[in-house]
Each structure stands twice: as C-alpha cells, then as structure tokens.
C-alpha cells in the first residue's frame, strides 16, 4: 500500500488546526474557487509566470569587479612565500563563485608575468602556475568604446596612465567597482574601490541573504511575507530594547543627578577626610569606613533594584511573546494552507489542459 505523501499529511494537519481557529474556511475557499473557476486559475497562472520571471531575474544577478595587477600579484606572492594552497586564497575563492564575474584588461597578463619574474626570485615557477590558473578564470577584455577611455584618461591619466585601461574597463562593464589597494583608484569617484573585507561582506550577503532564498525557489510573495513578518517582529523587539536602554539611562541619570547635588567642595573634603583618616586617626578611619559602607550599601541597593527591574522586564518580554506567538503561527499556517490549495488547483488545471489537448 502506497503511503500518502508527507505534504498532504502536513496540509491536513494545518487544515485541522485552521478549522478550529477559522470555522468554515475550507468551505469558503472551495466556494470561491467554484465561483471563479477558470478566471481564478488564469489569474494564478499569470501571477505564477510573473513570479517565475522575477525568480529567473534573481538567478541572473551577479557581482562584477575589475581586478588590477598589483592585487592579483599580491595574492599569488602570499600563496608562494607563505606556503598557502592556491585554493585557500581570497582571489581563488572569489573568481570561482558562480555569481561573480571578474574582469581584467589584456595588459594585466603581461604585467603579471613580468612582475613575477622581476620580484619573485624563489618560487617563480610555482607563481607562474598560479597565474596560469587564475588568468584562465578571468574575463580578459579591453573597453571597446573610446568614450570610456576618454573619461578614464581625464580622471586618472595625468597621475597614473598605466591604470587608465582598468578604469575604462570598469566604466564599460558597469561593474560594481575595482578590486585594488592602489590610491589612484581610491582618489576617483567614478567607481567604487573594493578591498578584501568589503568584497567578503558582499559575497556573504549574496550567499546568505534574501537573494539566495529567491533563487532557491521561494516565490517573491513568500519572500515579501517573511520580510514583513520579520520586520514587524524586529520593530517590536527594537521598541522593547529601546525601552530597556531608556530605563537604564534613567537609572544612571538619577544616580549622577543625586551625586551632582553634593557641592564639589564637600566631595573633595570627604575624599580628603577619608585619605587623611587612613593615616591620622582611628575615629576618622572609622568615619571613613562608615562612609564607604554607606556608599557600598547604596550601590548594592541600586544593583538589587536593577536586577529586579530586569527580571520584571524579562517576564514582560515572555508575556509579549506568548501573545504574539499564536498570531505569527496562525498567519504562517493560513498562508501555507492557501498556497498549497492554489498549487493543487494549478496541477489539476494543467492535467485538464493536457487531457483536453490529447482528445
């Protein structure tokens, strides 16, 4: 006997829970689908097609950079001199990312080999092999339009004519910037100059951010729903955190304000009495001790009050979560149920179309 697919089991479980929360939901949904019929399906199909196009658009997103000679040489040099495997270097990981395009003008190849021969006396052969591997992964081209060259020449040509081709290529490809440590690129404002840290952050965002969720197959509607739910939760949490900070600031301000009411002369006098008492008099020493005991007790009092306040705040947050949790879970359950119903309707309509075309 074939087991029923788990998706249907989950659907029934959600459906049963929703029946208790929203009596008549299933009947109303079936009535709606029967009333609208093909019109509803056409609407869903069109929306699905639009979302598929959006998802395909997400899938075509890429991060593009132009890399300069000194940067790639520095990566090769570190690998050879520090005995680091090439596949562990930043540049190797970067150019092997499926959504990253790294460009370089043709002159980079000649400059790179020349620099390896001139600078790296030891490990020259290994460095050349590394260069071969990396260059095969780069998109080698020059900017084809004279206008890009003119703009690049006007911008940095007088200071460093050797780097004009890199800036021109960045302008032509509309890249996200130039991967370089050279000051000449940092001094211009036509395109961004990237370092390793900046690039790593962007790669991480592309890998783990909302883009990956869409590319993985989640529809834009789901992404938007999750975004709104998370935004709502974050907003409330932010308000709670701000409340905590405000309360703590209030306690601190009250303490400082109280101390501020004591004239500075008396504060200095008390401090002087305490110090002198350590050396001169048993009475003063005892007085100083009593004063310090009073201060310590007061601090303990504030500490206990703060602990009590934070404890109450914790209970408040827990109560808030208990109130919010059913709302959040129900929203997701309802969304999942309706999404599943639409998917089933879509499959049934496709089957009908296939059957109709076959007859």
Protein backbone atom coordinates (compact mmCIF):
# COMPACT_ATOMS: atom_id res chain seq x y z
CA UNK A 1 0.00 0.00 0.00
CA UNK A 2 1.42 3.36 -1.03
CA UNK A 3 1.99 5.86 1.72
CA UNK A 4 0.34 9.23 1.34
CA UNK A 5 2.87 11.97 0.56
CA UNK A 6 4.00 13.88 3.62
CA UNK A 7 2.98 17.19 2.08
CA UNK A 8 -0.65 16.10 2.19
CA UNK A 9 -0.25 14.96 5.79
CA UNK A 10 1.12 18.37 6.71
CA UNK A 11 -1.71 20.03 4.80
CA UNK A 12 -4.32 18.04 6.70
CA UNK A 13 -2.66 18.86 10.00
CA UNK A 14 -2.68 22.57 9.20
CA UNK A 15 -6.23 22.31 7.85
CA UNK A 16 -7.46 20.74 11.10
CA UNK A 17 -5.81 23.45 13.17
CA UNK A 18 -7.30 26.17 10.97
CA UNK A 19 -10.75 24.60 11.23
CA UNK A 20 -10.68 25.24 14.95
CA UNK A 21 -9.46 28.81 14.53
CA UNK A 22 -11.47 29.73 11.42
CA UNK A 23 -14.64 27.62 11.09
CA UNK A 24 -15.89 27.48 7.51
CA UNK A 25 -12.55 28.41 5.93
CA UNK A 26 -12.33 25.32 3.72
CA UNK A 27 -15.95 25.65 2.56
CA UNK A 28 -15.50 29.34 1.72
CA UNK A 29 -12.32 28.63 -0.22
CA UNK A 30 -13.99 25.84 -2.23
CA UNK A 31 -16.96 28.11 -2.92
CA UNK A 32 -14.61 30.83 -4.13
CA UNK A 33 -12.75 28.50 -6.48
CA UNK A 34 -16.03 27.13 -7.88
CA UNK A 35 -17.46 30.61 -8.44
CA UNK A 36 -14.40 32.00 -10.19
CA UNK A 37 -13.29 28.78 -11.88
CA UNK A 38 -11.03 29.35 -14.92
CA UNK A 39 -10.77 33.08 -14.20
CA UNK A 40 -9.11 32.36 -10.86
CA UNK A 41 -6.80 29.82 -12.45
CA UNK A 42 -5.82 32.24 -15.23
CA UNK A 43 -5.04 34.88 -12.63
CA UNK A 44 -2.93 32.45 -10.59
CA UNK A 45 -1.15 31.21 -13.71
CA UNK A 46 -0.32 34.74 -14.83
CA UNK A 47 0.91 35.65 -11.38
CA UNK A 48 2.99 32.48 -11.23
CA UNK A 49 4.50 33.27 -14.62
CA UNK A 50 5.42 36.77 -13.47
CA UNK A 51 6.98 35.42 -10.29
CA UNK A 52 8.96 32.83 -12.25
CA UNK A 53 10.35 35.65 -14.40
CA UNK A 54 11.29 37.54 -11.24
CA UNK A 55 12.99 34.47 -9.80
CA UNK A 56 14.88 33.95 -13.05
CA UNK A 57 15.94 37.57 -12.80
CA UNK A 58 17.28 36.91 -9.31
CA UNK A 59 19.14 33.92 -10.67
CA UNK A 60 20.87 36.12 -13.24
CA UNK A 61 22.12 38.57 -10.64
CA UNK A 62 25.88 38.71 -10.49
CA UNK A 63 28.59 40.67 -8.76
CA UNK A 64 31.17 42.08 -11.16
CA UNK A 65 34.58 43.56 -10.45
CA UNK A 66 37.65 44.69 -12.34
CA UNK A 67 40.88 43.49 -10.73
CA UNK A 68 44.22 45.25 -11.00
CA UNK A 69 47.68 43.70 -11.45
CA UNK A 70 49.06 44.52 -8.01
CA UNK A 71 46.12 42.88 -6.24
CA UNK A 72 46.33 39.57 -8.07
CA UNK A 73 50.13 39.58 -7.79
CA UNK A 74 49.89 40.14 -4.04
CA UNK A 75 47.61 37.12 -3.71
CA UNK A 76 49.99 34.92 -5.71
CA UNK A 77 53.01 36.18 -3.75
CA UNK A 78 51.34 35.41 -0.41
CA UNK A 79 50.44 31.92 -1.59
CA UNK A 80 54.00 31.12 -2.70
CA UNK A 81 56.02 32.80 0.07
CA UNK A 82 53.74 31.70 2.92
CA UNK A 83 53.20 28.21 1.50
CA UNK A 84 49.42 28.69 1.29
CA UNK A 85 47.46 26.50 -1.09
CA UNK A 86 46.09 28.49 -4.03
CA UNK A 87 42.53 27.29 -3.43
CA UNK A 88 42.68 28.81 0.06
CA UNK A 89 43.44 32.30 -1.22
CA UNK A 90 40.81 35.01 -1.41
CA UNK A 91 41.27 35.59 -5.14
CA UNK A 92 40.78 31.90 -5.98
CA UNK A 93 37.58 31.68 -3.95
CA UNK A 94 36.34 34.91 -5.48
CA UNK A 95 36.79 34.01 -9.13
CA UNK A 96 35.25 30.57 -8.56
CA UNK A 97 31.98 31.98 -7.18
CA UNK A 98 29.21 31.20 -9.66
CA UNK A 99 27.66 34.66 -9.36
CA UNK A 100 30.90 36.67 -9.53
CA UNK A 101 32.44 37.99 -12.73
CA UNK A 102 36.00 39.29 -12.52
CA UNK A 103 37.29 41.35 -15.44
CA UNK A 104 40.79 42.50 -16.35
CA UNK A 105 42.29 44.32 -19.36
CA UNK A 106 44.63 42.33 -21.62
CA UNK A 107 47.67 44.22 -20.34
CA UNK A 108 47.26 42.60 -16.89
CA UNK A 109 48.57 39.28 -18.21
CA UNK A 110 51.84 40.76 -19.47
CA UNK A 111 52.28 42.92 -16.36
CA UNK A 112 51.63 39.97 -14.04
CA UNK A 113 54.20 37.62 -15.59
CA UNK A 114 56.74 40.44 -15.81
CA UNK A 115 56.27 41.25 -12.13
CA UNK A 116 56.58 37.59 -11.12
CA UNK A 117 59.91 37.30 -12.99
CA UNK A 118 61.21 40.55 -11.53
CA UNK A 119 60.11 40.26 -7.89
CA UNK A 120 59.80 36.57 -7.07
CA UNK A 121 63.23 35.01 -7.35
CA UNK A 122 62.18 31.99 -5.27
CA UNK A 123 59.03 30.14 -6.20
CA UNK A 124 59.00 31.71 -9.63
CA UNK A 125 57.74 28.59 -11.41
CA UNK A 126 55.02 27.94 -8.83
CA UNK A 127 53.88 31.55 -9.03
CA UNK A 128 53.66 31.31 -12.83
CA UNK A 129 51.49 28.18 -12.50
CA UNK A 130 49.22 30.01 -10.07
CA UNK A 131 49.00 32.89 -12.55
CA UNK A 132 48.01 30.47 -15.35
CA UNK A 133 45.16 29.07 -13.25
CA UNK A 134 43.84 32.46 -12.17
CA UNK A 135 44.11 34.09 -15.59
CA UNK A 136 42.05 31.29 -17.13
CA UNK A 137 39.22 32.25 -14.76
CA UNK A 138 39.33 35.98 -15.51
CA UNK A 139 37.31 37.65 -18.26
CA UNK A 140 40.06 39.32 -20.28
CA UNK A 141 38.96 42.25 -22.45
CA UNK A 142 39.57 45.92 -23.12
CA UNK A 143 36.95 48.65 -23.09
CA UNK A 144 35.85 48.91 -26.76
CA UNK A 145 34.41 52.44 -26.67
CA UNK A 146 36.66 55.47 -26.95
CA UNK A 147 34.35 57.48 -24.69
CA UNK A 148 35.16 55.24 -21.71
CA UNK A 149 38.87 55.69 -22.37
CA UNK A 150 38.49 59.47 -22.60
CA UNK A 151 36.67 59.67 -19.26
CA UNK A 152 39.24 57.41 -17.59
CA UNK A 153 42.10 59.41 -19.08
CA UNK A 154 40.66 62.71 -17.84
CA UNK A 155 40.14 61.25 -14.38
CA UNK A 156 43.46 59.50 -13.59
CA UNK A 157 45.54 59.69 -16.77
CA UNK A 158 47.76 62.55 -15.65
CA UNK A 159 48.66 60.83 -12.36
CA UNK A 160 48.88 57.19 -13.49
CA UNK A 161 48.44 56.50 -17.22
CA UNK A 162 49.16 52.77 -16.69
CA UNK A 163 45.87 52.33 -14.81
CA UNK A 164 43.63 54.06 -17.35
CA UNK A 165 42.70 50.75 -19.02
CA UNK A 166 41.41 49.34 -15.70
CA UNK A 167 39.14 52.31 -15.02
CA UNK A 168 37.92 52.38 -18.64
CA UNK A 169 37.00 48.68 -18.40
CA UNK A 170 35.13 49.26 -15.15
CA UNK A 171 33.12 52.03 -16.81
CA UNK A 172 32.38 49.91 -19.88
CA UNK A 173 31.21 46.84 -17.93
CA UNK A 174 29.26 48.93 -15.39
CA UNK A 175 30.99 46.80 -12.77
CA UNK A 176 30.47 47.19 -9.06
CA UNK A 177 33.99 48.58 -8.77
CA UNK A 178 37.71 47.87 -8.92
CA UNK A 179 39.42 45.37 -6.62
CA UNK A 180 42.61 47.21 -5.74
CA UNK A 181 44.69 48.75 -2.97
CA UNK A 182 46.10 51.50 -5.23
CA UNK A 183 45.49 55.03 -4.00
CA UNK A 184 44.86 56.27 -7.53
CA UNK A 185 41.59 54.35 -7.70
CA UNK A 186 40.54 55.47 -4.24
CA UNK A 187 41.04 59.11 -5.25
CA UNK A 188 38.43 58.97 -8.07
CA UNK A 189 34.66 58.91 -7.61
CA UNK A 190 33.50 57.28 -10.85
CA UNK A 191 33.50 53.77 -9.42
CA UNK A 192 33.95 52.15 -6.01
CA UNK A 193 37.28 50.73 -4.90
CA UNK A 194 36.99 47.42 -3.08
CA UNK A 195 39.26 45.73 -0.57
CA UNK A 196 39.17 42.15 0.69
CA UNK A 197 36.94 42.88 3.70
CA UNK A 198 34.35 44.80 1.66
CA UNK A 199 34.22 42.11 -1.00
CA UNK A 200 33.92 39.29 1.55
CA UNK A 201 30.88 41.02 3.09
CA UNK A 202 29.15 41.34 -0.28
CA UNK A 203 29.87 37.71 -1.18
CA UNK A 204 28.43 36.63 2.17
CA UNK A 205 25.31 38.71 1.52
CA UNK A 206 24.86 37.19 -1.93
CA UNK A 207 25.31 33.69 -0.46
CA UNK A 208 23.12 34.01 2.62
CA UNK A 209 20.81 36.95 2.03
CA UNK A 210 17.30 37.23 0.66
CA UNK A 211 18.59 36.68 -2.89
CA UNK A 212 19.55 33.08 -2.12
CA UNK A 213 16.05 32.49 -0.75
CA UNK A 214 14.50 33.59 -4.03
CA UNK A 215 16.98 31.67 -6.17
CA UNK A 216 16.32 28.54 -4.11
CA UNK A 217 12.75 28.54 -5.37
CA UNK A 218 10.73 30.56 -2.86
CA UNK A 219 8.27 32.82 -4.63
CA UNK A 220 8.52 36.56 -4.34
CA UNK A 221 5.25 36.57 -2.40
CA UNK A 222 6.71 34.27 0.24
CA UNK A 223 9.82 36.42 0.43
CA UNK A 224 7.69 39.54 0.91
CA UNK A 225 5.55 37.85 3.57
CA UNK A 226 8.57 36.67 5.53
CA UNK A 227 10.18 40.08 5.18
CA UNK A 228 7.08 41.81 6.57
CA UNK A 229 6.75 39.38 9.45
CA UNK A 230 10.41 39.71 10.37
CA UNK A 231 10.21 43.49 10.04
CA UNK A 232 7.23 43.57 12.38
CA UNK A 233 8.96 41.38 14.96
CA UNK A 234 12.16 43.40 14.71
CA UNK A 235 10.23 46.64 15.14
CA UNK A 236 8.59 45.42 18.33
CA UNK A 237 11.84 43.99 19.68
CA UNK A 238 13.58 47.27 18.86
CA UNK A 239 10.95 49.16 20.84
CA UNK A 240 11.46 46.83 23.80
CA UNK A 241 15.24 47.21 23.60
CA UNK A 242 14.91 50.98 23.39
CA UNK A 243 12.70 50.79 26.46
CA UNK A 244 15.42 48.90 28.32
CA UNK A 245 18.06 51.41 27.26
CA UNK A 246 15.84 54.33 28.25
CA UNK A 247 15.21 52.80 31.66
CA UNK A 248 18.91 52.13 32.25
CA UNK A 249 19.76 55.66 31.18
CA UNK A 250 17.13 56.93 33.59
CA UNK A 251 18.60 54.97 36.50
CA UNK A 252 22.11 56.14 35.64
CA UNK A 253 20.99 59.74 35.22
CA UNK A 254 19.21 59.62 38.59
CA UNK A 255 22.37 58.41 40.29
CA UNK A 256 24.54 61.04 38.63
CA UNK A 257 21.97 63.73 39.35
CA UNK A 258 21.92 62.77 43.05
CA UNK A 259 25.69 62.92 43.27
CA UNK A 260 25.62 66.18 41.38
CA UNK A 261 23.60 67.80 44.17
CA UNK A 262 26.59 67.49 46.52
CA UNK A 263 28.81 70.60 46.26
CA UNK A 264 32.23 69.84 44.86
CA UNK A 265 33.91 71.31 47.96
CA UNK A 266 32.15 68.78 50.17
CA UNK A 267 33.06 65.93 47.79
CA UNK A 268 36.73 66.97 47.93
CA UNK A 269 36.52 67.37 51.69
CA UNK A 270 35.03 63.90 52.14
CA UNK A 271 37.72 62.40 49.94
CA UNK A 272 40.40 64.27 51.88
CA UNK A 273 38.95 63.12 55.20
CA UNK A 274 38.98 59.55 54.04
CA UNK A 275 42.60 59.69 52.87
CA UNK A 276 43.81 61.56 55.97
CA UNK A 277 41.90 59.20 58.20
CA UNK A 278 43.86 56.29 56.85
CA UNK A 279 46.96 57.78 58.45
CA UNK A 280 45.95 60.09 61.33
CA UNK A 281 43.07 58.98 63.47
CA UNK A 282 41.17 55.89 64.47
CA UNK A 283 37.99 57.99 64.66
CA UNK A 284 38.49 59.37 61.19
CA UNK A 285 39.38 55.95 59.90
CA UNK A 286 36.16 54.65 61.41
CA UNK A 287 34.27 57.61 59.95
CA UNK A 288 35.77 56.94 56.55
CA UNK A 289 34.88 53.29 56.86
CA UNK A 290 31.29 54.15 57.78
CA UNK A 291 31.09 56.50 54.81
CA UNK A 292 32.36 53.83 52.43
CA UNK A 293 29.99 51.25 53.91
CA UNK A 294 27.12 53.64 53.27
CA UNK A 295 28.22 54.16 49.67
CA UNK A 296 28.61 50.40 49.10
CA UNK A 297 25.19 49.70 50.62
CA UNK A 298 23.67 52.35 48.36
CA UNK A 299 25.34 50.77 45.33
CA UNK A 300 24.04 47.36 46.36
CA UNK A 301 20.58 48.86 46.69
CA UNK A 302 20.76 50.20 43.15
CA UNK A 303 22.12 46.84 41.98
CA UNK A 304 19.25 44.88 43.55
CA UNK A 305 16.72 47.33 42.12
CA UNK A 306 18.29 46.95 38.68
CA UNK A 307 18.19 43.15 38.92
CA UNK A 308 14.55 43.31 39.96
CA UNK A 309 13.78 45.67 37.08
CA UNK A 310 15.47 43.41 34.52
CA UNK A 311 13.66 40.39 35.93
CA UNK A 312 10.31 42.11 35.52
CA UNK A 313 11.31 43.17 32.02
CA UNK A 314 12.15 39.58 31.14
CA UNK A 315 8.69 38.49 32.27
CA UNK A 316 7.15 41.26 30.17
CA UNK A 317 9.02 40.10 27.07
CA UNK A 318 7.96 36.50 27.67
CA UNK A 319 4.34 37.58 28.08
CA UNK A 320 4.59 39.58 24.87
CA UNK A 321 5.95 36.54 23.02
CA UNK A 322 3.13 34.36 24.29
CA UNK A 323 0.62 36.90 22.99
CA UNK A 324 2.33 37.28 19.62
CA UNK A 325 3.17 33.61 19.01
CA UNK A 326 -0.37 32.43 18.10
CA UNK A 327 -0.74 35.33 15.67
CA UNK A 328 2.55 34.56 13.92
CA UNK A 329 1.94 30.81 13.76
CA UNK A 330 -1.63 31.22 12.54
CA UNK A 331 -0.53 33.62 9.81
CA UNK A 332 2.05 31.16 8.53
CA UNK A 333 -0.42 28.26 8.78
CA UNK A 334 -3.04 30.16 6.81
CA UNK A 335 -0.54 31.22 4.19
CA UNK A 336 0.80 27.66 3.85
CA UNK A 337 -2.69 26.21 3.52
CA UNK A 338 -3.83 28.65 0.84
CA UNK A 339 -0.55 28.30 -1.06
CA UNK A 340 -0.97 24.53 -1.07
CA UNK A 341 -4.57 24.82 -2.29
CA UNK A 342 -3.52 27.08 -5.14
CA UNK A 343 -0.75 24.66 -6.09
CA UNK A 344 -3.21 21.73 -6.16
CA UNK A 345 -5.62 23.73 -8.29
CA UNK A 346 -2.78 24.60 -10.64
CA UNK A 347 -1.82 20.94 -11.03
CA UNK A 348 -5.43 19.91 -11.67
CA UNK A 349 -5.88 22.59 -14.33
CA UNK A 350 -2.66 21.51 -16.05
CA UNK A 351 -3.92 17.91 -16.12
CA UNK A 352 -7.21 19.07 -17.61
CA UNK A 353 -5.40 21.05 -20.30
CA UNK A 354 -3.22 18.04 -21.16
CA UNK A 355 -6.29 15.78 -21.33
CA UNK A 356 -8.13 18.30 -23.47
CA UNK A 357 -5.25 18.66 -25.93
CA UNK A 358 -4.95 14.88 -26.24
CA UNK A 359 -8.59 14.42 -27.24
